[in-house]
């Protein structure tokens, strides 16, 4: 059973997350030949203050 974890900065819409789930599922199905019913996708919404870029939080960078 393929299991994908996707880490994103918080703030994506529900529609965007649905698109990610759909496209990641399709990619794994095509690449591995796994039935889509067996594919699992987990999206982690990471708070901007918990995501660092070049030593600075994404929140402080205005991302």
N, C-alpha and C. Protein backbone atom coordinates (compact mmCIF):
# COMPACT_ATOMS: atom_id res chain seq x y z
N UNK A 1 0.83 -1.17 0.00
CA UNK A 1 0.00 0.00 0.00
C UNK A 1 0.89 1.24 0.00
N UNK A 2 0.96 1.99 -1.09
CA UNK A 2 1.74 3.23 -1.12
C UNK A 2 1.15 4.28 -0.18
N UNK A 3 2.04 4.95 0.54
CA UNK A 3 1.63 5.97 1.50
C UNK A 3 2.51 7.19 1.29
N UNK A 4 1.91 8.32 0.90
CA UNK A 4 2.66 9.55 0.64
C UNK A 4 2.34 10.59 1.70
N UNK A 5 3.37 11.25 2.19
CA UNK A 5 3.19 12.36 3.12
C UNK A 5 3.64 13.64 2.43
N UNK A 6 2.80 14.66 2.49
CA UNK A 6 3.09 15.93 1.84
C UNK A 6 3.07 17.02 2.91
N UNK A 7 4.15 17.76 3.01
CA UNK A 7 4.25 18.84 3.98
C UNK A 7 4.05 20.16 3.25
N UNK A 8 3.09 20.95 3.73
CA UNK A 8 2.78 22.25 3.13
C UNK A 8 2.69 23.31 4.22
N UNK A 9 3.06 24.53 3.87
CA UNK A 9 2.79 25.62 4.79
C UNK A 9 1.29 25.80 4.89
N UNK A 10 0.82 26.10 6.08
CA UNK A 10 -0.60 26.30 6.28
C UNK A 10 -1.14 27.39 5.35
N UNK A 11 -2.43 27.33 5.08
CA UNK A 11 -3.05 28.38 4.29
C UNK A 11 -3.59 27.93 2.94
N UNK A 12 -3.36 26.68 2.56
CA UNK A 12 -3.90 26.18 1.30
C UNK A 12 -5.40 25.95 1.45
N UNK A 13 -6.13 26.13 0.36
CA UNK A 13 -7.57 25.92 0.39
C UNK A 13 -7.89 24.44 0.36
N UNK A 14 -9.12 24.12 0.73
CA UNK A 14 -9.57 22.73 0.67
C UNK A 14 -9.52 22.22 -0.77
N UNK A 15 -9.85 23.08 -1.72
CA UNK A 15 -9.80 22.71 -3.14
C UNK A 15 -8.37 22.38 -3.56
N UNK A 16 -7.40 23.16 -3.13
CA UNK A 16 -6.00 22.89 -3.46
C UNK A 16 -5.55 21.56 -2.86
N UNK A 17 -5.96 21.29 -1.63
CA UNK A 17 -5.58 20.03 -0.99
C UNK A 17 -6.22 18.84 -1.70
N UNK A 18 -7.45 18.99 -2.14
CA UNK A 18 -8.09 17.92 -2.91
C UNK A 18 -7.31 17.64 -4.19
N UNK A 19 -6.85 18.72 -4.85
CA UNK A 19 -6.09 18.55 -6.09
C UNK A 19 -4.77 17.83 -5.82
N UNK A 20 -4.11 18.16 -4.71
CA UNK A 20 -2.86 17.48 -4.35
C UNK A 20 -3.12 16.00 -4.13
N UNK A 21 -4.15 15.68 -3.36
CA UNK A 21 -4.48 14.28 -3.08
C UNK A 21 -4.75 13.53 -4.38
N UNK A 22 -5.52 14.14 -5.27
CA UNK A 22 -5.86 13.50 -6.54
C UNK A 22 -4.62 13.26 -7.40
N UNK A 23 -3.77 14.28 -7.51
CA UNK A 23 -2.61 14.17 -8.41
C UNK A 23 -1.51 13.27 -7.85
N UNK A 24 -1.32 13.30 -6.54
CA UNK A 24 -0.33 12.40 -5.93
C UNK A 24 -0.81 10.95 -6.08
N UNK A 25 -2.10 10.73 -5.87
CA UNK A 25 -2.65 9.39 -6.05
C UNK A 25 -2.45 8.92 -7.48
N UNK A 26 -2.74 9.76 -8.45
CA UNK A 26 -2.56 9.40 -9.85
C UNK A 26 -1.10 9.09 -10.17
N UNK A 27 -0.19 9.92 -9.65
CA UNK A 27 1.24 9.69 -9.90
C UNK A 27 1.70 8.35 -9.34
N UNK A 28 1.29 8.02 -8.13
CA UNK A 28 1.69 6.75 -7.54
C UNK A 28 1.05 5.57 -8.27
N UNK A 29 -0.17 5.74 -8.69
CA UNK A 29 -0.85 4.68 -9.45
C UNK A 29 -0.12 4.42 -10.76
N UNK A 30 0.23 5.49 -11.47
CA UNK A 30 0.93 5.34 -12.75
C UNK A 30 2.34 4.79 -12.57
N UNK A 31 3.07 5.31 -11.58
CA UNK A 31 4.47 4.91 -11.39
C UNK A 31 4.63 3.50 -10.84
N UNK A 32 3.71 3.10 -9.97
CA UNK A 32 3.86 1.82 -9.28
C UNK A 32 2.89 0.74 -9.74
N UNK A 33 1.88 1.16 -10.48
CA UNK A 33 0.86 0.20 -10.89
C UNK A 33 -0.05 -0.23 -9.76
N UNK A 34 -0.04 0.55 -8.68
CA UNK A 34 -0.89 0.23 -7.53
C UNK A 34 -2.33 0.67 -7.80
N UNK A 35 -3.29 -0.11 -7.36
CA UNK A 35 -4.68 0.34 -7.49
C UNK A 35 -4.90 1.60 -6.66
N UNK A 36 -5.64 2.55 -7.19
CA UNK A 36 -5.82 3.81 -6.47
C UNK A 36 -6.50 3.60 -5.11
N UNK A 37 -7.27 2.55 -4.98
CA UNK A 37 -7.92 2.26 -3.71
C UNK A 37 -6.91 1.93 -2.61
N UNK A 38 -5.70 1.58 -3.00
CA UNK A 38 -4.66 1.24 -2.03
C UNK A 38 -3.74 2.40 -1.68
N UNK A 39 -3.87 3.52 -2.40
CA UNK A 39 -2.99 4.66 -2.19
C UNK A 39 -3.52 5.54 -1.05
N UNK A 40 -2.62 5.95 -0.16
CA UNK A 40 -2.96 6.84 0.94
C UNK A 40 -2.11 8.10 0.82
N UNK A 41 -2.72 9.26 1.03
CA UNK A 41 -2.01 10.54 1.00
C UNK A 41 -2.34 11.29 2.28
N UNK A 42 -1.30 11.75 2.95
CA UNK A 42 -1.48 12.49 4.19
C UNK A 42 -0.85 13.86 4.02
N UNK A 43 -1.65 14.90 4.16
CA UNK A 43 -1.16 16.28 4.06
C UNK A 43 -0.92 16.81 5.47
N UNK A 44 0.29 17.29 5.69
CA UNK A 44 0.65 17.93 6.95
C UNK A 44 0.60 19.44 6.73
N UNK A 45 -0.30 20.13 7.39
CA UNK A 45 -0.31 21.60 7.36
C UNK A 45 0.64 22.08 8.46
N UNK A 46 1.72 22.69 8.06
CA UNK A 46 2.73 23.13 9.02
C UNK A 46 2.54 24.63 9.29
N UNK A 47 2.43 25.02 10.55
CA UNK A 47 2.34 26.44 10.86
C UNK A 47 3.58 27.17 10.35
N UNK A 48 3.39 28.37 9.85
CA UNK A 48 4.49 29.12 9.24
C UNK A 48 5.63 29.40 10.22
N UNK A 49 5.29 29.52 11.51
CA UNK A 49 6.35 29.76 12.49
C UNK A 49 7.16 28.50 12.77
N UNK A 50 6.69 27.34 12.30
CA UNK A 50 7.41 26.08 12.49
C UNK A 50 8.20 25.65 11.26
N UNK A 51 8.28 26.47 10.24
CA UNK A 51 8.95 26.14 8.99
C UNK A 51 10.10 27.13 8.81
N UNK A 52 11.32 26.63 8.78
CA UNK A 52 12.46 27.52 8.64
C UNK A 52 13.05 27.51 7.24
N UNK A 53 13.43 28.69 6.78
CA UNK A 53 14.08 28.86 5.48
C UNK A 53 15.30 29.74 5.70
N UNK A 54 16.47 29.19 5.44
CA UNK A 54 17.72 29.92 5.58
C UNK A 54 17.87 30.55 6.97
N UNK A 55 17.44 29.82 7.99
CA UNK A 55 17.61 30.30 9.35
C UNK A 55 16.53 31.23 9.87
N UNK A 56 15.47 31.43 9.07
CA UNK A 56 14.40 32.34 9.47
C UNK A 56 13.08 31.63 9.27
N UNK A 57 12.11 31.88 10.15
CA UNK A 57 10.81 31.23 9.98
C UNK A 57 10.09 31.79 8.76
N UNK A 58 9.27 30.96 8.17
CA UNK A 58 8.49 31.39 6.99
C UNK A 58 7.56 32.54 7.37
N UNK A 59 7.08 32.53 8.60
CA UNK A 59 6.21 33.62 9.07
C UNK A 59 6.98 34.95 9.06
N UNK A 60 8.21 34.93 9.59
CA UNK A 60 9.01 36.16 9.62
C UNK A 60 9.40 36.61 8.22
N UNK A 61 9.46 35.67 7.28
CA UNK A 61 9.77 36.03 5.89
C UNK A 61 8.54 36.51 5.12
N UNK A 62 7.37 36.41 5.76
CA UNK A 62 6.15 36.86 5.10
C UNK A 62 5.63 35.89 4.07
N UNK A 63 5.93 34.60 4.23
CA UNK A 63 5.49 33.61 3.27
C UNK A 63 4.10 33.15 3.53
